PDB file of N, CA and C in Angstrom:
ATOM      1  N   MET A   1       0.531  -1.308   0.114  1.00  0.00           N
ATOM      2  CA  MET A   1       0.080   0.026  -0.402  1.00  0.00           C
ATOM      3  C   MET A   1       0.961   1.020  -0.259  1.00  0.00           C
ATOM      4  N   SER A   2       0.558   2.267  -0.643  1.00  0.00           N
ATOM      5  CA  SER A   2       1.387   3.179  -0.974  1.00  0.00           C
ATOM      6  C   SER A   2       0.886   4.705  -0.559  1.00  0.00           C
ATOM      7  N   ILE A   3       1.472   5.634   0.451  1.00  0.00           N
ATOM      8  CA  ILE A   3       0.978   6.509   1.170  1.00  0.00           C
ATOM      9  C   ILE A   3       1.533   7.487   0.954  1.00  0.00           C
ATOM     10  N   VAL A   4       1.444   8.692   0.650  1.00  0.00           N
ATOM     11  CA  VAL A   4       1.576  10.163   1.074  1.00  0.00           C
ATOM     12  C   VAL A   4       0.959  10.881   2.055  1.00  0.00           C
ATOM     13  N   ILE A   5       1.761  11.322   2.848  1.00  0.00           N
ATOM     14  CA  ILE A   5       2.152  12.145   3.670  1.00  0.00           C
ATOM     15  C   ILE A   5       2.268  13.749   3.688  1.00  0.00           C
ATOM     16  N   VAL A   6       0.923  14.600   3.764  1.00  0.00           N
ATOM     17  CA  VAL A   6       1.335  15.801   3.710  1.00  0.00           C
ATOM     18  C   VAL A   6       1.315  16.484   4.630  1.00  0.00           C
ATOM     19  N   GLY A   7       2.523  17.641   5.249  1.00  0.00           N
ATOM     20  CA  GLY A   7       2.560  18.347   6.314  1.00  0.00           C
ATOM     21  C   GLY A   7       3.195  17.401   7.405  1.00  0.00           C
ATOM     22  N   GLY A   8       3.263  17.893   8.544  1.00  0.00           N
ATOM     23  CA  GLY A   8       4.115  17.346   9.597  1.00  0.00           C
ATOM     24  C   GLY A   8       5.444  18.303   9.802  1.00  0.00           C
ATOM     25  N   ASN A   9       6.139  17.526  10.857  1.00  0.00           N
ATOM     26  CA  ASN A   9       7.624  18.100  11.200  1.00  0.00           C
ATOM     27  C   ASN A   9       8.535  17.673  10.631  1.00  0.00           C
ATOM     28  N   ASP A  10       8.839  18.643  10.259  1.00  0.00           N
ATOM     29  CA  ASP A  10      10.861  18.037   9.270  1.00  0.00           C
ATOM     30  C   ASP A  10      11.236  16.942  10.189  1.00  0.00           C
ATOM     31  N   ARG A  11      11.727  17.322  11.335  1.00  0.00           N
ATOM     32  CA  ARG A  11      12.684  16.078  12.340  1.00  0.00           C
ATOM     33  C   ARG A  11      11.659  15.068  12.233  1.00  0.00           C
ATOM     34  N   MET A  12      10.571  15.150  11.994  1.00  0.00           N
ATOM     35  CA  MET A  12       9.836  13.371  11.970  1.00  0.00           C
ATOM     36  C   MET A  12       9.558  12.697  10.840  1.00  0.00           C
ATOM     37  N   THR A  13       9.728  13.345   9.879  1.00  0.00           N
ATOM     38  CA  THR A  13      10.198  12.505   8.589  1.00  0.00           C
ATOM     39  C   THR A  13      10.258  11.045   8.613  1.00  0.00           C
ATOM     40  N   THR A  14      11.591  10.534   9.105  1.00  0.00           N
ATOM     41  CA  THR A  14      12.219   9.309   9.087  1.00  0.00           C
ATOM     42  C   THR A  14      10.982   8.431  10.202  1.00  0.00           C
ATOM     43  N   ARG A  15      10.766   8.907  10.815  1.00  0.00           N
ATOM     44  CA  ARG A  15       9.424   8.096  12.218  1.00  0.00           C
ATOM     45  C   ARG A  15       8.300   7.934  11.130  1.00  0.00           C
ATOM     46  N   TYR A  16       8.074   8.970  10.482  1.00  0.00           N
ATOM     47  CA  TYR A  16       6.670   8.798   9.557  1.00  0.00           C
ATOM     48  C   TYR A  16       6.840   7.240   8.642  1.00  0.00           C
ATOM     49  N   LYS A  17       8.319   7.298   8.070  1.00  0.00           N
ATOM     50  CA  LYS A  17       8.173   6.157   7.054  1.00  0.00           C
ATOM     51  C   LYS A  17       8.504   5.128   8.092  1.00  0.00           C
ATOM     52  N   ASP A  18       8.923   5.051   9.047  1.00  0.00           N
ATOM     53  CA  ASP A  18       9.369   3.684   9.898  1.00  0.00           C
ATOM     54  C   ASP A  18       8.013   3.341  10.165  1.00  0.00           C
ATOM     55  N   ILE A  19       6.997   4.425  10.530  1.00  0.00           N
ATOM     56  CA  ILE A  19       5.667   3.931  11.325  1.00  0.00           C
ATOM     57  C   ILE A  19       5.007   2.956   9.836  1.00  0.00           C
ATOM     58  N   CYS A  20       5.032   3.974   8.796  1.00  0.00           N
ATOM     59  CA  CYS A  20       4.404   3.096   7.429  1.00  0.00           C
ATOM     60  C   CYS A  20       4.679   1.692   7.346  1.00  0.00           C
ATOM     61  N   LYS A  21       6.277   1.615   7.339  1.00  0.00           N
ATOM     62  CA  LYS A  21       7.035   0.096   7.240  1.00  0.00           C
ATOM     63  C   LYS A  21       5.954  -0.578   8.287  1.00  0.00           C
ATOM     64  N   SER A  22       6.062  -0.097   9.856  1.00  0.00           N
ATOM     65  CA  SER A  22       5.449  -1.013  10.234  1.00  0.00           C
ATOM     66  C   SER A  22       4.004  -1.837   9.651  1.00  0.00           C
ATOM     67  N   TYR A  23       3.843  -1.042   8.985  1.00  0.00           N
ATOM     68  CA  TYR A  23       2.244  -1.153   8.565  1.00  0.00           C
ATOM     69  C   TYR A  23       2.381  -2.058   7.205  1.00  0.00           C
ATOM     70  N   ASN A  24       3.743  -2.260   6.677  1.00  0.00           N
ATOM     71  CA  ASN A  24       3.636  -2.735   5.668  1.00  0.00           C
ATOM     72  C   ASN A  24       3.432  -1.867   4.179  1.00  0.00           C
ATOM     73  N   CYS A  25       3.905  -0.384   4.406  1.00  0.00           N
ATOM     74  CA  CYS A  25       2.969   0.644   3.562  1.00  0.00           C
ATOM     75  C   CYS A  25       4.408   1.580   3.510  1.00  0.00           C
ATOM     76  N   LYS A  26       4.440   1.924   1.940  1.00  0.00           N
ATOM     77  CA  LYS A  26       5.608   2.844   1.444  1.00  0.00           C
ATOM     78  C   LYS A  26       5.272   4.345   1.640  1.00  0.00           C
ATOM     79  N   ALA A  27       5.703   5.057   2.336  1.00  0.00           N
ATOM     80  CA  ALA A  27       5.300   6.578   2.118  1.00  0.00           C
ATOM     81  C   ALA A  27       6.730   7.469   1.378  1.00  0.00           C
ATOM     82  N   LYS A  28       5.520   8.356   0.906  1.00  0.00           N
ATOM     83  CA  LYS A  28       6.181   9.586   0.428  1.00  0.00           C
ATOM     84  C   LYS A  28       5.686  10.722   1.538  1.00  0.00           C
ATOM     85  N   VAL A  29       6.902  11.210   1.945  1.00  0.00           N
ATOM     86  CA  VAL A  29       6.554  12.325   3.214  1.00  0.00           C
ATOM     87  C   VAL A  29       6.971  14.035   2.200  1.00  0.00           C
ATOM     88  N   PHE A  30       5.960  14.585   2.566  1.00  0.00           N
ATOM     89  CA  PHE A  30       5.977  15.945   1.942  1.00  0.00           C
ATOM     90  C   PHE A  30       5.620  17.118   3.142  1.00  0.00           C
ATOM     91  N   ILE A  31       6.977  17.793   3.835  1.00  0.00           N
ATOM     92  CA  ILE A  31       6.392  18.944   4.048  1.00  0.00           C
ATOM     93  C   ILE A  31       6.597  19.683   4.016  1.00  0.00           C
ATOM     94  N   LYS A  32       7.412  20.019   2.552  1.00  0.00           N
ATOM     95  CA  LYS A  32       7.279  21.959   2.358  1.00  0.00           C
ATOM     96  C   LYS A  32       6.842  21.762   0.998  1.00  0.00           C
ATOM     97  N   LEU A  33       6.535  22.622   0.163  1.00  0.00           N
ATOM     98  CA  LEU A  33       5.788  22.416  -1.159  1.00  0.00           C
ATOM     99  C   LEU A  33       7.249  22.172  -1.970  1.00  0.00           C
ATOM    100  N   PRO A  34       6.989  21.414  -2.641  1.00  0.00           N
ATOM    101  CA  PRO A  34       8.242  20.690  -3.908  1.00  0.00           C
ATOM    102  C   PRO A  34       7.704  21.548  -5.200  1.00  0.00           C
ATOM    103  N   ALA A  35       8.256  21.423  -5.935  1.00  0.00           N
ATOM    104  CA  ALA A  35       8.169  21.693  -7.454  1.00  0.00           C
ATOM    105  C   ALA A  35       7.021  20.795  -7.848  1.00  0.00           C
ATOM    106  N   GLN A  36       6.117  21.037  -8.881  1.00  0.00           N
ATOM    107  CA  GLN A  36       5.180  20.349  -9.714  1.00  0.00           C
ATOM    108  C   GLN A  36       4.838  19.142  -8.188  1.00  0.00           C
ATOM    109  N   PHE A  37       4.076  19.622  -7.181  1.00  0.00           N
ATOM    110  CA  PHE A  37       3.655  19.083  -6.332  1.00  0.00           C
ATOM    111  C   PHE A  37       2.901  17.879  -6.892  1.00  0.00           C
ATOM    112  N   ASP A  38       1.634  18.477  -7.684  1.00  0.00           N
ATOM    113  CA  ASP A  38       1.066  17.276  -8.177  1.00  0.00           C
ATOM    114  C   ASP A  38       1.020  16.014  -8.967  1.00  0.00           C
ATOM    115  N   LYS A  39       2.381  16.291  -9.995  1.00  0.00           N
ATOM    116  CA  LYS A  39       2.798  15.630 -10.277  1.00  0.00           C
ATOM    117  C   LYS A  39       3.282  14.753  -9.273  1.00  0.00           C
ATOM    118  N   GLN A  40       3.972  15.080  -8.447  1.00  0.00           N
ATOM    119  CA  GLN A  40       4.664  14.423  -7.225  1.00  0.00           C
ATOM    120  C   GLN A  40       4.149  13.568  -6.294  1.00  0.00           C
ATOM    121  N   ILE A  41       2.806  13.502  -6.312  1.00  0.00           N
ATOM    122  CA  ILE A  41       1.989  12.973  -5.229  1.00  0.00           C
ATOM    123  C   ILE A  41       1.594  11.662  -6.119  1.00  0.00           C
ATOM    124  N   GLY A  42       1.539  11.660  -7.464  1.00  0.00           N
ATOM    125  CA  GLY A  42       0.895  10.758  -8.242  1.00  0.00           C
ATOM    126  C   GLY A  42      -0.257  10.063  -7.789  1.00  0.00           C
ATOM    127  N   SER A  43      -0.557   8.531  -7.727  1.00  0.00           N
ATOM    128  CA  SER A  43      -1.727   8.417  -7.142  1.00  0.00           C
ATOM    129  C   SER A  43      -2.075   7.480  -6.413  1.00  0.00           C
ATOM    130  N   PRO A  44      -1.338   7.405  -5.019  1.00  0.00           N
ATOM    131  CA  PRO A  44      -1.451   6.638  -4.137  1.00  0.00           C
ATOM    132  C   PRO A  44      -2.891   5.883  -3.603  1.00  0.00           C
ATOM    133  N   ASP A  45      -2.553   4.671  -2.324  1.00  0.00           N
ATOM    134  CA  ASP A  45      -4.094   4.156  -2.200  1.00  0.00           C
ATOM    135  C   ASP A  45      -4.658   5.478  -1.006  1.00  0.00           C
ATOM    136  N   LEU A  46      -3.336   5.921  -0.045  1.00  0.00           N
ATOM    137  CA  LEU A  46      -4.148   6.754   0.907  1.00  0.00           C
ATOM    138  C   LEU A  46      -3.383   8.356   0.666  1.00  0.00           C
ATOM    139  N   ALA A  47      -3.822   9.468   1.186  1.00  0.00           N
ATOM    140  CA  ALA A  47      -3.144  10.491   1.119  1.00  0.00           C
ATOM    141  C   ALA A  47      -3.546  10.932   2.983  1.00  0.00           C
ATOM    142  N   VAL A  48      -2.533  10.913   3.371  1.00  0.00           N
ATOM    143  CA  VAL A  48      -2.796  11.345   4.890  1.00  0.00           C
ATOM    144  C   VAL A  48      -1.979  13.156   5.417  1.00  0.00           C
ATOM    145  N   VAL A  49      -2.813  14.026   5.903  1.00  0.00           N
ATOM    146  CA  VAL A  49      -2.371  15.166   5.884  1.00  0.00           C
ATOM    147  C   VAL A  49      -3.031  16.031   7.437  1.00  0.00           C
ATOM    148  N   PHE A  50      -1.321  16.301   7.708  1.00  0.00           N
ATOM    149  CA  PHE A  50      -1.577  16.865   9.252  1.00  0.00           C
ATOM    150  C   PHE A  50      -2.105  18.362   8.907  1.00  0.00           C
ATOM    151  N   SER A  51      -3.039  18.619   9.257  1.00  0.00           N
ATOM    152  CA  SER A  51      -3.623  20.037   8.943  1.00  0.00           C
ATOM    153  C   SER A  51      -3.032  21.408  10.036  1.00  0.00           C
ATOM    154  N   ASP A  52      -2.330  20.755  10.210  1.00  0.00           N
ATOM    155  CA  ASP A  52      -1.886  21.660  12.104  1.00  0.00           C
ATOM    156  C   ASP A  52      -0.883  22.786  10.821  1.00  0.00           C
ATOM    157  N   THR A  53      -0.055  21.734  10.278  1.00  0.00           N
ATOM    158  CA  THR A  53       1.255  22.162   9.777  1.00  0.00           C
ATOM    159  C   THR A  53       1.391  22.132   8.074  1.00  0.00           C
ATOM    160  N   VAL A  54       0.235  22.478   7.607  1.00  0.00           N
ATOM    161  CA  VAL A  54       0.136  22.076   6.072  1.00  0.00           C
ATOM    162  C   VAL A  54      -0.107  23.899   5.593  1.00  0.00           C
ATOM    163  N   SER A  55       0.217  24.085   4.685  1.00  0.00           N
ATOM    164  CA  SER A  55      -0.245  25.130   3.796  1.00  0.00           C
ATOM    165  C   SER A  55      -1.923  25.231   3.198  1.00  0.00           C
ATOM    166  N   HIS A  56      -2.370  25.982   2.661  1.00  0.00           N
ATOM    167  CA  HIS A  56      -3.681  25.960   2.317  1.00  0.00           C
ATOM    168  C   HIS A  56      -3.234  25.583   0.419  1.00  0.00           C
ATOM    169  N   LYS A  57      -2.506  25.943  -0.289  1.00  0.00           N
ATOM    170  CA  LYS A  57      -1.819  25.569  -1.205  1.00  0.00           C
ATOM    171  C   LYS A  57      -1.395  24.366  -1.054  1.00  0.00           C
ATOM    172  N   MET A  58      -0.856  23.165  -0.501  1.00  0.00           N
ATOM    173  CA  MET A  58      -0.567  22.190  -0.635  1.00  0.00           C
ATOM    174  C   MET A  58      -1.656  21.259  -0.279  1.00  0.00           C
ATOM    175  N   LEU A  59      -2.526  21.958   0.633  1.00  0.00           N
ATOM    176  CA  LEU A  59      -4.221  21.303   0.991  1.00  0.00           C
ATOM    177  C   LEU A  59      -5.302  20.992  -0.424  1.00  0.00           C
ATOM    178  N   THR A  60      -4.890  22.312  -1.140  1.00  0.00           N
ATOM    179  CA  THR A  60      -5.625  22.201  -2.246  1.00  0.00           C
ATOM    180  C   THR A  60      -5.110  21.307  -3.941  1.00  0.00           C
ATOM    181  N   GLY A  61      -4.002  21.456  -3.299  1.00  0.00           N
ATOM    182  CA  GLY A  61      -3.202  20.259  -4.552  1.00  0.00           C
ATOM    183  C   GLY A  61      -3.599  19.438  -4.476  1.00  0.00           C
ATOM    184  N   VAL A  62      -3.670  18.567  -2.862  1.00  0.00           N
ATOM    185  CA  VAL A  62      -3.969  17.187  -2.251  1.00  0.00           C
ATOM    186  C   VAL A  62      -5.339  16.936  -3.306  1.00  0.00           C
ATOM    187  N   LYS A  63      -6.140  17.843  -2.503  1.00  0.00           N
ATOM    188  CA  LYS A  63      -7.891  17.462  -2.843  1.00  0.00           C
ATOM    189  C   LYS A  63      -7.802  17.354  -4.868  1.00  0.00           C
ATOM    190  N   GLN A  64      -7.315  18.459  -5.008  1.00  0.00           N
ATOM    191  CA  GLN A  64      -7.520  18.293  -6.633  1.00  0.00           C
ATOM    192  C   GLN A  64      -6.631  17.091  -7.248  1.00  0.00           C
ATOM    193  N   GLY A  65      -5.599  16.273  -6.587  1.00  0.00           N
ATOM    194  CA  GLY A  65      -5.162  15.364  -6.801  1.00  0.00           C
ATOM    195  C   GLY A  65      -5.990  14.163  -6.911  1.00  0.00           C
ATOM    196  N   ALA A  66      -6.839  13.958  -5.415  1.00  0.00           N
ATOM    197  CA  ALA A  66      -7.896  12.861  -5.003  1.00  0.00           C
ATOM    198  C   ALA A  66      -8.772  13.104  -6.102  1.00  0.00           C
ATOM    199  N   ASP A  67      -9.160  14.007  -6.248  1.00  0.00           N
ATOM    200  CA  ASP A  67     -10.768  14.499  -6.799  1.00  0.00           C
ATOM    201  C   ASP A  67      -9.395  13.696  -8.895  1.00  0.00           C
ATOM    202  N   LYS A  68      -9.067  13.734  -8.992  1.00  0.00           N
ATOM    203  CA  LYS A  68      -8.172  13.415 -10.639  1.00  0.00           C
ATOM    204  C   LYS A  68      -8.137  12.159 -10.456  1.00  0.00           C
ATOM    205  N   ASN A  69      -7.422  11.929  -9.154  1.00  0.00           N
ATOM    206  CA  ASN A  69      -7.043  10.130  -9.607  1.00  0.00           C
ATOM    207  C   ASN A  69      -7.676   9.394  -8.580  1.00  0.00           C
ATOM    208  N   LYS A  70      -8.514   9.469  -7.739  1.00  0.00           N
ATOM    209  CA  LYS A  70      -9.752   9.285  -6.831  1.00  0.00           C
ATOM    210  C   LYS A  70      -8.558   7.830  -6.182  1.00  0.00           C
ATOM    211  N   PHE A  71      -8.254   8.827  -5.209  1.00  0.00           N
ATOM    212  CA  PHE A  71      -7.399   8.223  -3.536  1.00  0.00           C
ATOM    213  C   PHE A  71      -8.215   8.696  -2.649  1.00  0.00           C
ATOM    214  N   PRO A  72      -8.413   8.143  -1.715  1.00  0.00           N
ATOM    215  CA  PRO A  72      -8.876   8.702  -0.328  1.00  0.00           C
ATOM    216  C   PRO A  72      -8.151   9.675   0.542  1.00  0.00           C
ATOM    217  N   VAL A  73      -8.584  10.872   1.008  1.00  0.00           N
ATOM    218  CA  VAL A  73      -7.815  11.564   1.475  1.00  0.00           C
ATOM    219  C   VAL A  73      -8.152  11.761   3.416  1.00  0.00           C
ATOM    220  N   GLU A  74      -7.261  11.570   4.472  1.00  0.00           N
ATOM    221  CA  GLU A  74      -7.461  11.651   5.375  1.00  0.00           C
ATOM    222  C   GLU A  74      -6.872  12.663   6.317  1.00  0.00           C
ATOM    223  N   ILE A  75      -7.893  13.838   6.800  1.00  0.00           N
ATOM    224  CA  ILE A  75      -6.991  15.309   7.661  1.00  0.00           C
ATOM    225  C   ILE A  75      -6.903  14.985   8.576  1.00  0.00           C
ATOM    226  N   CYS A  76      -5.852  15.041   9.394  1.00  0.00           N
ATOM    227  CA  CYS A  76      -5.770  14.710  10.672  1.00  0.00           C
ATOM    228  C   CYS A  76      -5.141  16.341  11.218  1.00  0.00           C
ATOM    229  N   HIS A  77      -5.744  15.997  12.492  1.00  0.00           N
ATOM    230  CA  HIS A  77      -5.255  17.803  12.838  1.00  0.00           C
ATOM    231  C   HIS A  77      -4.555  17.523  14.015  1.00  0.00           C
ATOM    232  N   SER A  78      -3.605  16.700  13.785  1.00  0.00           N
ATOM    233  CA  SER A  78      -2.527  16.261  14.823  1.00  0.00           C
ATOM    234  C   SER A  78      -1.643  15.561  13.897  1.00  0.00           C
ATOM    235  N   SER A  79       0.155  16.578  14.341  1.00  0.00           N
ATOM    236  CA  SER A  79       0.954  15.724  13.442  1.00  0.00           C
ATOM    237  C   SER A  79       1.724  14.484  13.906  1.00  0.00           C
ATOM    238  N   SER A  80       1.190  14.090  15.061  1.00  0.00           N
ATOM    239  CA  SER A  80       1.955  13.051  16.023  1.00  0.00           C
ATOM    240  C   SER A  80       2.087  11.872  15.267  1.00  0.00           C
ATOM    241  N   CYS A  81       3.009  11.076  15.609  1.00  0.00           N
ATOM    242  CA  CYS A  81       2.905   9.701  15.327  1.00  0.00           C
ATOM    243  C   CYS A  81       1.887   8.611  16.021  1.00  0.00           C
ATOM    244  N   SER A  82       1.502   9.049  17.060  1.00  0.00           N
ATOM    245  CA  SER A  82       0.007   8.312  17.694  1.00  0.00           C
ATOM    246  C   SER A  82      -1.272   8.443  16.360  1.00  0.00           C
ATOM    247  N   ALA A  83      -1.192  10.018  15.749  1.00  0.00           N
ATOM    248  CA  ALA A  83      -2.199  10.346  14.979  1.00  0.00           C
ATOM    249  C   ALA A  83      -1.884   9.276  13.665  1.00  0.00           C
ATOM    250  N   LEU A  84      -1.308   9.500  13.231  1.00  0.00           N
ATOM    251  CA  LEU A  84      -0.754   8.445  12.395  1.00  0.00           C
ATOM    252  C   LEU A  84      -0.925   6.890  12.382  1.00  0.00           C
ATOM    253  N   LYS A  85      -0.377   6.787  13.226  1.00  0.00           N
ATOM    254  CA  LYS A  85      -0.713   5.002  13.840  1.00  0.00           C
ATOM    255  C   LYS A  85      -2.240   5.051  13.514  1.00  0.00           C
ATOM    256  N   LYS A  86      -3.598   5.758  14.116  1.00  0.00           N
ATOM    257  CA  LYS A  86      -4.595   5.678  14.124  1.00  0.00           C
ATOM    258  C   LYS A  86      -5.339   5.453  13.071  1.00  0.00           C
ATOM    259  N   VAL A  87      -4.381   6.538  11.905  1.00  0.00           N
ATOM    260  CA  VAL A  87      -4.827   6.489  10.588  1.00  0.00           C
ATOM    261  C   VAL A  87      -4.925   5.248   9.450  1.00  0.00           C
ATOM    262  N   LEU A  88      -3.306   4.951   9.702  1.00  0.00           N
ATOM    263  CA  LEU A  88      -3.104   3.550   9.190  1.00  0.00           C
ATOM    264  C   LEU A  88      -3.971   2.211   9.978  1.00  0.00           C
ATOM    265  N   GLU A  89      -4.607   2.259  10.955  1.00  0.00           N
ATOM    266  CA  GLU A  89      -5.067   1.388  11.448  1.00  0.00           C
ATOM    267  C   GLU A  89      -5.999   1.153  11.133  1.00  0.00           C
ATOM    268  N   LYS A  90      -7.179   2.615  10.773  1.00  0.00           N
ATOM    269  CA  LYS A  90      -8.011   2.643  10.538  1.00  0.00           C
ATOM    270  C   LYS A  90      -8.499   1.935   8.600  1.00  0.00           C
ATOM    271  N   HIS A  91      -7.125   2.696   8.373  1.00  0.00           N
ATOM    272  CA  HIS A  91      -7.253   2.306   6.772  1.00  0.00           C
ATOM    273  C   HIS A  91      -6.753   1.116   6.498  1.00  0.00           C
ATOM    274  N   VAL A  92      -5.427   0.241   6.936  1.00  0.00           N
ATOM    275  CA  VAL A  92      -4.778  -0.974   6.389  1.00  0.00           C
ATOM    276  C   VAL A  92      -5.301  -1.690   6.953  1.00  0.00           C
ATOM    277  N   CYS A  93      -6.133  -1.848   8.016  1.00  0.00           N
ATOM    278  CA  CYS A  93      -6.701  -3.354   8.388  1.00  0.00           C
ATOM    279  C   CYS A  93      -8.106  -3.483   6.985  1.00  0.00           C
ATOM    280  N   LYS A  94      -8.633  -2.581   6.561  1.00  0.00           N
ATOM    281  CA  LYS A  94      -9.645  -2.481   6.050  1.00  0.00           C
ATOM    282  C   LYS A  94      -9.161  -3.737   4.564  1.00  0.00           C
ATOM    283  N   GLN A  95      -7.797  -3.368   4.688  1.00  0.00           N
ATOM    284  CA  GLN A  95      -7.360  -4.261   3.230  1.00  0.00           C
ATOM    285  C   GLN A  95      -7.245  -5.537   3.133  1.00  0.00           C
TER     286      GLN A  95
END
């Protein structure tokens, strides 16, 4: 399962990836807005947006990509590890 994480803390990037790896998921983490953001997102199985640390431009980019490529978006108000684990338990257990 591929996951895109948008937002969060810069120093937590490797922890986010390790948590996703423990759930047998491959993760891309975007803390800051890169060039050609919509092309780099691609079409993952799930997008997780940490709304407390993400810009409006990144949020609209994720929503437009979700509408275009038909993938679910989960919005978390906290960018903690436990918040990510709750989202993964909710979505990965369905698979």
